[in-house]
């Protein structure tokens, strides 16, 4: 079996950029209101896919599941790097 030295391309639907940002902000606020550490909880959800990291407060658990975790991660990386 030979090694593939080609760079893989990862594509995410650009229409979901704003949606991912809005969802992250809404979930962040819901977690904060309930006294959780929003960053830790969102990281737990993204890494594990377990929605119980997200509170049901303000329907945040259902809201965050409307978008794929890779799209949330892309939004976070994009926002972080564009600030620099």
PDB file of N, CA and C in Angstrom:
ATOM      1  N   UNK A   1       0.849  -1.166   0.000  1.00  0.00           N
ATOM      2  CA  UNK A   1       0.000   0.000   0.000  1.00  0.00           C
ATOM      3  C   UNK A   1       0.902   1.238   0.000  1.00  0.00           C
ATOM      4  N   UNK A   2       0.746   2.109  -1.003  1.00  0.00           N
ATOM      5  CA  UNK A   2       1.560   3.308  -1.107  1.00  0.00           C
ATOM      6  C   UNK A   2       0.994   4.457  -0.295  1.00  0.00           C
ATOM      7  N   UNK A   3       1.877   5.373   0.045  1.00  0.00           N
ATOM      8  CA  UNK A   3       1.452   6.561   0.778  1.00  0.00           C
ATOM      9  C   UNK A   3       0.984   7.625  -0.189  1.00  0.00           C
ATOM     10  N   UNK A   4      -0.061   8.306   0.167  1.00  0.00           N
ATOM     11  CA  UNK A   4      -0.560   9.413  -0.635  1.00  0.00           C
ATOM     12  C   UNK A   4       0.046  10.693  -0.079  1.00  0.00           C
ATOM     13  N   UNK A   5       0.801  11.400  -0.906  1.00  0.00           N
ATOM     14  CA  UNK A   5       1.461  12.624  -0.470  1.00  0.00           C
ATOM     15  C   UNK A   5       0.677  13.866  -0.856  1.00  0.00           C
ATOM     16  N   UNK A   6      -0.517  13.663  -1.372  1.00  0.00           N
ATOM     17  CA  UNK A   6      -1.377  14.787  -1.737  1.00  0.00           C
ATOM     18  C   UNK A   6      -1.989  15.405  -0.485  1.00  0.00           C
ATOM     19  N   UNK A   7      -2.189  16.701  -0.517  1.00  0.00           N
ATOM     20  CA  UNK A   7      -2.860  17.387   0.586  1.00  0.00           C
ATOM     21  C   UNK A   7      -4.360  17.255   0.405  1.00  0.00           C
ATOM     22  N   UNK A   8      -5.023  16.780   1.441  1.00  0.00           N
ATOM     23  CA  UNK A   8      -6.478  16.641   1.406  1.00  0.00           C
ATOM     24  C   UNK A   8      -7.111  18.018   1.573  1.00  0.00           C
ATOM     25  N   UNK A   9      -8.244  18.228   0.931  1.00  0.00           N
ATOM     26  CA  UNK A   9      -8.993  19.477   1.072  1.00  0.00           C
ATOM     27  C   UNK A   9     -10.223  19.205   1.923  1.00  0.00           C
ATOM     28  N   UNK A  10     -10.463  20.073   2.882  1.00  0.00           N
ATOM     29  CA  UNK A  10     -11.638  19.964   3.745  1.00  0.00           C
ATOM     30  C   UNK A  10     -12.522  21.151   3.437  1.00  0.00           C
ATOM     31  N   UNK A  11     -13.746  20.884   3.030  1.00  0.00           N
ATOM     32  CA  UNK A  11     -14.643  21.969   2.640  1.00  0.00           C
ATOM     33  C   UNK A  11     -15.871  21.983   3.530  1.00  0.00           C
ATOM     34  N   UNK A  12     -16.252  23.190   3.916  1.00  0.00           N
ATOM     35  CA  UNK A  12     -17.453  23.400   4.712  1.00  0.00           C
ATOM     36  C   UNK A  12     -18.311  24.402   3.970  1.00  0.00           C
ATOM     37  N   UNK A  13     -19.597  24.202   4.019  1.00  0.00           N
ATOM     38  CA  UNK A  13     -20.556  25.087   3.365  1.00  0.00           C
ATOM     39  C   UNK A  13     -20.433  26.497   3.920  1.00  0.00           C
ATOM     40  N   UNK A  14     -20.114  27.459   3.063  1.00  0.00           N
ATOM     41  CA  UNK A  14     -19.916  28.847   3.489  1.00  0.00           C
ATOM     42  C   UNK A  14     -21.196  29.501   3.989  1.00  0.00           C
ATOM     43  N   UNK A  15     -22.339  29.006   3.582  1.00  0.00           N
ATOM     44  CA  UNK A  15     -23.609  29.576   4.031  1.00  0.00           C
ATOM     45  C   UNK A  15     -23.799  29.407   5.532  1.00  0.00           C
ATOM     46  N   UNK A  16     -23.114  28.452   6.121  1.00  0.00           N
ATOM     47  CA  UNK A  16     -23.291  28.178   7.545  1.00  0.00           C
ATOM     48  C   UNK A  16     -22.360  28.983   8.442  1.00  0.00           C
ATOM     49  N   UNK A  17     -21.486  29.837   7.847  1.00  0.00           N
ATOM     50  CA  UNK A  17     -20.556  30.628   8.650  1.00  0.00           C
ATOM     51  C   UNK A  17     -21.281  31.477   9.687  1.00  0.00           C
ATOM     52  N   UNK A  18     -22.237  32.281   9.252  1.00  0.00           N
ATOM     53  CA  UNK A  18     -22.968  33.146  10.178  1.00  0.00           C
ATOM     54  C   UNK A  18     -23.809  32.328  11.138  1.00  0.00           C
ATOM     55  N   UNK A  19     -24.394  31.253  10.654  1.00  0.00           N
ATOM     56  CA  UNK A  19     -25.218  30.407  11.512  1.00  0.00           C
ATOM     57  C   UNK A  19     -24.371  29.808  12.637  1.00  0.00           C
ATOM     58  N   UNK A  20     -23.172  29.356  12.315  1.00  0.00           N
ATOM     59  CA  UNK A  20     -22.297  28.768  13.333  1.00  0.00           C
ATOM     60  C   UNK A  20     -21.955  29.807  14.393  1.00  0.00           C
ATOM     61  N   UNK A  21     -21.652  31.004  13.969  1.00  0.00           N
ATOM     62  CA  UNK A  21     -21.311  32.078  14.916  1.00  0.00           C
ATOM     63  C   UNK A  21     -22.494  32.398  15.827  1.00  0.00           C
ATOM     64  N   UNK A  22     -23.665  32.536  15.236  1.00  0.00           N
ATOM     65  CA  UNK A  22     -24.868  32.850  16.016  1.00  0.00           C
ATOM     66  C   UNK A  22     -25.185  31.744  17.018  1.00  0.00           C
ATOM     67  N   UNK A  23     -25.041  30.511  16.588  1.00  0.00           N
ATOM     68  CA  UNK A  23     -25.303  29.373  17.473  1.00  0.00           C
ATOM     69  C   UNK A  23     -24.309  29.344  18.625  1.00  0.00           C
ATOM     70  N   UNK A  24     -23.032  29.523  18.323  1.00  0.00           N
ATOM     71  CA  UNK A  24     -22.022  29.520  19.377  1.00  0.00           C
ATOM     72  C   UNK A  24     -22.278  30.621  20.399  1.00  0.00           C
ATOM     73  N   UNK A  25     -22.633  31.804  19.928  1.00  0.00           N
ATOM     74  CA  UNK A  25     -22.901  32.914  20.847  1.00  0.00           C
ATOM     75  C   UNK A  25     -24.126  32.639  21.718  1.00  0.00           C
ATOM     76  N   UNK A  26     -25.172  32.101  21.124  1.00  0.00           N
ATOM     77  CA  UNK A  26     -26.393  31.801  21.881  1.00  0.00           C
ATOM     78  C   UNK A  26     -26.142  30.720  22.929  1.00  0.00           C
ATOM     79  N   UNK A  27     -25.428  29.686  22.547  1.00  0.00           N
ATOM     80  CA  UNK A  27     -25.125  28.593  23.471  1.00  0.00           C
ATOM     81  C   UNK A  27     -24.195  29.084  24.581  1.00  0.00           C
ATOM     82  N   UNK A  28     -23.223  29.892  24.217  1.00  0.00           N
ATOM     83  CA  UNK A  28     -22.304  30.482  25.199  1.00  0.00           C
ATOM     84  C   UNK A  28     -23.086  31.238  26.273  1.00  0.00           C
ATOM     85  N   UNK A  29     -24.011  32.082  25.845  1.00  0.00           N
ATOM     86  CA  UNK A  29     -24.810  32.877  26.788  1.00  0.00           C
ATOM     87  C   UNK A  29     -25.685  31.990  27.671  1.00  0.00           C
ATOM     88  N   UNK A  30     -26.299  30.980  27.095  1.00  0.00           N
ATOM     89  CA  UNK A  30     -27.148  30.071  27.874  1.00  0.00           C
ATOM     90  C   UNK A  30     -26.331  29.345  28.941  1.00  0.00           C
ATOM     91  N   UNK A  31     -25.155  28.870  28.575  1.00  0.00           N
ATOM     92  CA  UNK A  31     -24.289  28.181  29.533  1.00  0.00           C
ATOM     93  C   UNK A  31     -23.833  29.132  30.638  1.00  0.00           C
ATOM     94  N   UNK A  32     -23.473  30.336  30.246  1.00  0.00           N
ATOM     95  CA  UNK A  32     -23.019  31.342  31.212  1.00  0.00           C
ATOM     96  C   UNK A  32     -24.133  31.682  32.204  1.00  0.00           C
ATOM     97  N   UNK A  33     -25.345  31.852  31.696  1.00  0.00           N
ATOM     98  CA  UNK A  33     -26.492  32.167  32.556  1.00  0.00           C
ATOM     99  C   UNK A  33     -26.751  31.075  33.591  1.00  0.00           C
ATOM    100  N   UNK A  34     -26.466  29.840  33.236  1.00  0.00           N
ATOM    101  CA  UNK A  34     -26.690  28.720  34.161  1.00  0.00           C
ATOM    102  C   UNK A  34     -25.492  28.467  35.079  1.00  0.00           C
ATOM    103  N   UNK A  35     -24.444  29.273  34.945  1.00  0.00           N
ATOM    104  CA  UNK A  35     -23.297  29.164  35.841  1.00  0.00           C
ATOM    105  C   UNK A  35     -22.213  28.196  35.411  1.00  0.00           C
ATOM    106  N   UNK A  36     -22.293  27.699  34.197  1.00  0.00           N
ATOM    107  CA  UNK A  36     -21.263  26.796  33.679  1.00  0.00           C
ATOM    108  C   UNK A  36     -20.104  27.597  33.099  1.00  0.00           C
ATOM    109  N   UNK A  37     -18.962  26.930  32.920  1.00  0.00           N
ATOM    110  CA  UNK A  37     -17.854  27.518  32.176  1.00  0.00           C
ATOM    111  C   UNK A  37     -18.154  27.229  30.700  1.00  0.00           C
ATOM    112  N   UNK A  38     -18.626  28.234  29.953  1.00  0.00           N
ATOM    113  CA  UNK A  38     -19.084  27.988  28.583  1.00  0.00           C
ATOM    114  C   UNK A  38     -18.008  27.429  27.657  1.00  0.00           C
ATOM    115  N   UNK A  39     -16.782  27.900  27.817  1.00  0.00           N
ATOM    116  CA  UNK A  39     -15.699  27.430  26.945  1.00  0.00           C
ATOM    117  C   UNK A  39     -15.470  25.933  27.157  1.00  0.00           C
ATOM    118  N   UNK A  40     -15.335  25.526  28.404  1.00  0.00           N
ATOM    119  CA  UNK A  40     -15.099  24.104  28.703  1.00  0.00           C
ATOM    120  C   UNK A  40     -16.244  23.227  28.217  1.00  0.00           C
ATOM    121  N   UNK A  41     -17.458  23.681  28.402  1.00  0.00           N
ATOM    122  CA  UNK A  41     -18.620  22.891  27.999  1.00  0.00           C
ATOM    123  C   UNK A  41     -18.699  22.755  26.477  1.00  0.00           C
ATOM    124  N   UNK A  42     -18.438  23.843  25.767  1.00  0.00           N
ATOM    125  CA  UNK A  42     -18.477  23.796  24.295  1.00  0.00           C
ATOM    126  C   UNK A  42     -17.358  22.906  23.770  1.00  0.00           C
ATOM    127  N   UNK A  43     -16.169  23.013  24.357  1.00  0.00           N
ATOM    128  CA  UNK A  43     -15.054  22.141  23.959  1.00  0.00           C
ATOM    129  C   UNK A  43     -15.424  20.678  24.200  1.00  0.00           C
ATOM    130  N   UNK A  44     -16.003  20.387  25.345  1.00  0.00           N
ATOM    131  CA  UNK A  44     -16.429  19.016  25.641  1.00  0.00           C
ATOM    132  C   UNK A  44     -17.395  18.495  24.601  1.00  0.00           C
ATOM    133  N   UNK A  45     -18.338  19.335  24.208  1.00  0.00           N
ATOM    134  CA  UNK A  45     -19.309  18.931  23.187  1.00  0.00           C
ATOM    135  C   UNK A  45     -18.629  18.695  21.837  1.00  0.00           C
ATOM    136  N   UNK A  46     -17.781  19.621  21.419  1.00  0.00           N
ATOM    137  CA  UNK A  46     -17.137  19.489  20.107  1.00  0.00           C
ATOM    138  C   UNK A  46     -16.260  18.241  20.059  1.00  0.00           C
ATOM    139  N   UNK A  47     -15.514  17.984  21.111  1.00  0.00           N
ATOM    140  CA  UNK A  47     -14.620  16.817  21.111  1.00  0.00           C
ATOM    141  C   UNK A  47     -15.357  15.491  21.204  1.00  0.00           C
ATOM    142  N   UNK A  48     -16.421  15.455  21.986  1.00  0.00           N
ATOM    143  CA  UNK A  48     -17.088  14.175  22.235  1.00  0.00           C
ATOM    144  C   UNK A  48     -18.349  13.941  21.406  1.00  0.00           C
ATOM    145  N   UNK A  49     -19.013  15.029  21.026  1.00  0.00           N
ATOM    146  CA  UNK A  49     -20.302  14.901  20.352  1.00  0.00           C
ATOM    147  C   UNK A  49     -21.445  14.636  21.313  1.00  0.00           C
ATOM    148  N   UNK A  50     -21.145  14.633  22.601  1.00  0.00           N
ATOM    149  CA  UNK A  50     -22.152  14.358  23.624  1.00  0.00           C
ATOM    150  C   UNK A  50     -22.923  15.640  23.948  1.00  0.00           C
ATOM    151  N   UNK A  51     -24.189  15.708  23.581  1.00  0.00           N
ATOM    152  CA  UNK A  51     -24.960  16.937  23.783  1.00  0.00           C
ATOM    153  C   UNK A  51     -25.235  17.268  25.251  1.00  0.00           C
ATOM    154  N   UNK A  52     -24.961  16.323  26.164  1.00  0.00           N
ATOM    155  CA  UNK A  52     -25.214  16.628  27.574  1.00  0.00           C
ATOM    156  C   UNK A  52     -24.211  17.633  28.144  1.00  0.00           C
ATOM    157  N   UNK A  53     -23.177  17.969  27.392  1.00  0.00           N
ATOM    158  CA  UNK A  53     -22.279  19.053  27.798  1.00  0.00           C
ATOM    159  C   UNK A  53     -22.973  20.408  27.683  1.00  0.00           C
ATOM    160  N   UNK A  54     -24.061  20.455  26.939  1.00  0.00           N
ATOM    161  CA  UNK A  54     -24.780  21.701  26.680  1.00  0.00           C
ATOM    162  C   UNK A  54     -26.090  21.700  27.459  1.00  0.00           C
ATOM    163  N   UNK A  55     -26.368  22.811  28.115  1.00  0.00           N
ATOM    164  CA  UNK A  55     -27.588  22.949  28.899  1.00  0.00           C
ATOM    165  C   UNK A  55     -28.832  22.962  28.006  1.00  0.00           C
ATOM    166  N   UNK A  56     -29.954  22.582  28.594  1.00  0.00           N
ATOM    167  CA  UNK A  56     -31.237  22.711  27.899  1.00  0.00           C
ATOM    168  C   UNK A  56     -31.801  24.123  28.013  1.00  0.00           C
ATOM    169  N   UNK A  57     -31.205  24.934  28.898  1.00  0.00           N
ATOM    170  CA  UNK A  57     -31.647  26.317  29.105  1.00  0.00           C
ATOM    171  C   UNK A  57     -31.679  27.059  27.766  1.00  0.00           C
ATOM    172  N   UNK A  58     -32.752  27.746  27.511  1.00  0.00           N
ATOM    173  CA  UNK A  58     -32.970  28.493  26.263  1.00  0.00           C
ATOM    174  C   UNK A  58     -32.861  27.595  25.028  1.00  0.00           C
ATOM    175  N   UNK A  59     -33.149  26.317  25.219  1.00  0.00           N
ATOM    176  CA  UNK A  59     -33.143  25.351  24.117  1.00  0.00           C
ATOM    177  C   UNK A  59     -31.758  25.203  23.468  1.00  0.00           C
ATOM    178  N   UNK A  60     -30.700  25.524  24.235  1.00  0.00           N
ATOM    179  CA  UNK A  60     -29.338  25.532  23.693  1.00  0.00           C
ATOM    180  C   UNK A  60     -28.898  24.172  23.166  1.00  0.00           C
ATOM    181  N   UNK A  61     -29.306  23.106  23.828  1.00  0.00           N
ATOM    182  CA  UNK A  61     -28.899  21.764  23.393  1.00  0.00           C
ATOM    183  C   UNK A  61     -29.454  21.442  22.011  1.00  0.00           C
ATOM    184  N   UNK A  62     -30.681  21.803  21.771  1.00  0.00           N
ATOM    185  CA  UNK A  62     -31.279  21.572  20.446  1.00  0.00           C
ATOM    186  C   UNK A  62     -30.666  22.488  19.401  1.00  0.00           C
ATOM    187  N   UNK A  63     -30.403  23.719  19.798  1.00  0.00           N
ATOM    188  CA  UNK A  63     -29.846  24.708  18.867  1.00  0.00           C
ATOM    189  C   UNK A  63     -28.470  24.276  18.373  1.00  0.00           C
ATOM    190  N   UNK A  64     -27.602  23.837  19.287  1.00  0.00           N
ATOM    191  CA  UNK A  64     -26.236  23.494  18.884  1.00  0.00           C
ATOM    192  C   UNK A  64     -26.203  22.266  17.974  1.00  0.00           C
ATOM    193  N   UNK A  65     -27.218  21.423  18.069  1.00  0.00           N
ATOM    194  CA  UNK A  65     -27.254  20.220  17.234  1.00  0.00           C
ATOM    195  C   UNK A  65     -27.761  20.500  15.820  1.00  0.00           C
ATOM    196  N   UNK A  66     -28.133  21.737  15.533  1.00  0.00           N
ATOM    197  CA  UNK A  66     -28.590  22.108  14.191  1.00  0.00           C
ATOM    198  C   UNK A  66     -27.437  22.231  13.205  1.00  0.00           C
ATOM    199  N   UNK A  67     -26.219  22.244  13.714  1.00  0.00           N
ATOM    200  CA  UNK A  67     -25.055  22.425  12.849  1.00  0.00           C
ATOM    201  C   UNK A  67     -24.003  21.382  13.224  1.00  0.00           C
ATOM    202  N   UNK A  68     -23.259  20.949  12.243  1.00  0.00           N
ATOM    203  CA  UNK A  68     -22.247  19.909  12.463  1.00  0.00           C
ATOM    204  C   UNK A  68     -21.101  20.441  13.321  1.00  0.00           C
ATOM    205  N   UNK A  69     -20.507  19.561  14.104  1.00  0.00           N
ATOM    206  CA  UNK A  69     -19.406  19.964  14.985  1.00  0.00           C
ATOM    207  C   UNK A  69     -18.210  20.491  14.209  1.00  0.00           C
ATOM    208  N   UNK A  70     -17.932  19.934  13.030  1.00  0.00           N
ATOM    209  CA  UNK A  70     -16.799  20.430  12.247  1.00  0.00           C
ATOM    210  C   UNK A  70     -17.024  21.877  11.806  1.00  0.00           C
ATOM    211  N   UNK A  71     -18.270  22.254  11.580  1.00  0.00           N
ATOM    212  CA  UNK A  71     -18.580  23.627  11.200  1.00  0.00           C
ATOM    213  C   UNK A  71     -18.402  24.571  12.389  1.00  0.00           C
ATOM    214  N   UNK A  72     -18.736  24.104  13.577  1.00  0.00           N
ATOM    215  CA  UNK A  72     -18.496  24.902  14.781  1.00  0.00           C
ATOM    216  C   UNK A  72     -16.997  25.103  14.984  1.00  0.00           C
ATOM    217  N   UNK A  73     -16.244  24.034  14.821  1.00  0.00           N
ATOM    218  CA  UNK A  73     -14.797  24.108  14.979  1.00  0.00           C
ATOM    219  C   UNK A  73     -14.180  25.043  13.947  1.00  0.00           C
ATOM    220  N   UNK A  74     -14.651  24.964  12.713  1.00  0.00           N
ATOM    221  CA  UNK A  74     -14.130  25.855  11.679  1.00  0.00           C
ATOM    222  C   UNK A  74     -14.383  27.313  12.052  1.00  0.00           C
ATOM    223  N   UNK A  75     -15.563  27.614  12.544  1.00  0.00           N
ATOM    224  CA  UNK A  75     -15.885  28.989  12.944  1.00  0.00           C
ATOM    225  C   UNK A  75     -14.970  29.458  14.071  1.00  0.00           C
ATOM    226  N   UNK A  76     -14.715  28.596  15.036  1.00  0.00           N
ATOM    227  CA  UNK A  76     -13.834  28.959  16.145  1.00  0.00           C
ATOM    228  C   UNK A  76     -12.412  29.228  15.670  1.00  0.00           C
ATOM    229  N   UNK A  77     -11.882  28.360  14.822  1.00  0.00           N
ATOM    230  CA  UNK A  77     -10.522  28.538  14.305  1.00  0.00           C
ATOM    231  C   UNK A  77     -10.446  29.803  13.461  1.00  0.00           C
ATOM    232  N   UNK A  78     -11.425  29.996  12.594  1.00  0.00           N
ATOM    233  CA  UNK A  78     -11.458  31.181  11.738  1.00  0.00           C
ATOM    234  C   UNK A  78     -11.482  32.459  12.571  1.00  0.00           C
ATOM    235  N   UNK A  79     -12.355  32.513  13.551  1.00  0.00           N
ATOM    236  CA  UNK A  79     -12.465  33.700  14.405  1.00  0.00           C
ATOM    237  C   UNK A  79     -11.167  33.957  15.162  1.00  0.00           C
ATOM    238  N   UNK A  80     -10.565  32.908  15.666  1.00  0.00           N
ATOM    239  CA  UNK A  80      -9.318  33.043  16.416  1.00  0.00           C
ATOM    240  C   UNK A  80      -8.194  33.576  15.531  1.00  0.00           C
ATOM    241  N   UNK A  81      -8.035  32.993  14.363  1.00  0.00           N
ATOM    242  CA  UNK A  81      -6.931  33.384  13.489  1.00  0.00           C
ATOM    243  C   UNK A  81      -7.142  34.753  12.850  1.00  0.00           C
ATOM    244  N   UNK A  82      -8.377  35.116  12.591  1.00  0.00           N
ATOM    245  CA  UNK A  82      -8.636  36.420  11.979  1.00  0.00           C
ATOM    246  C   UNK A  82      -8.451  37.560  12.974  1.00  0.00           C
ATOM    247  N   UNK A  83      -8.466  37.271  14.263  1.00  0.00           N
ATOM    248  CA  UNK A  83      -8.212  38.294  15.279  1.00  0.00           C
ATOM    249  C   UNK A  83      -6.739  38.648  15.352  1.00  0.00           C
ATOM    250  N   UNK A  84      -5.883  37.761  14.946  1.00  0.00           N
ATOM    251  CA  UNK A  84      -4.428  37.956  15.062  1.00  0.00           C
ATOM    252  C   UNK A  84      -3.904  38.887  14.001  1.00  0.00           C
TER     253      UNK A  84
END
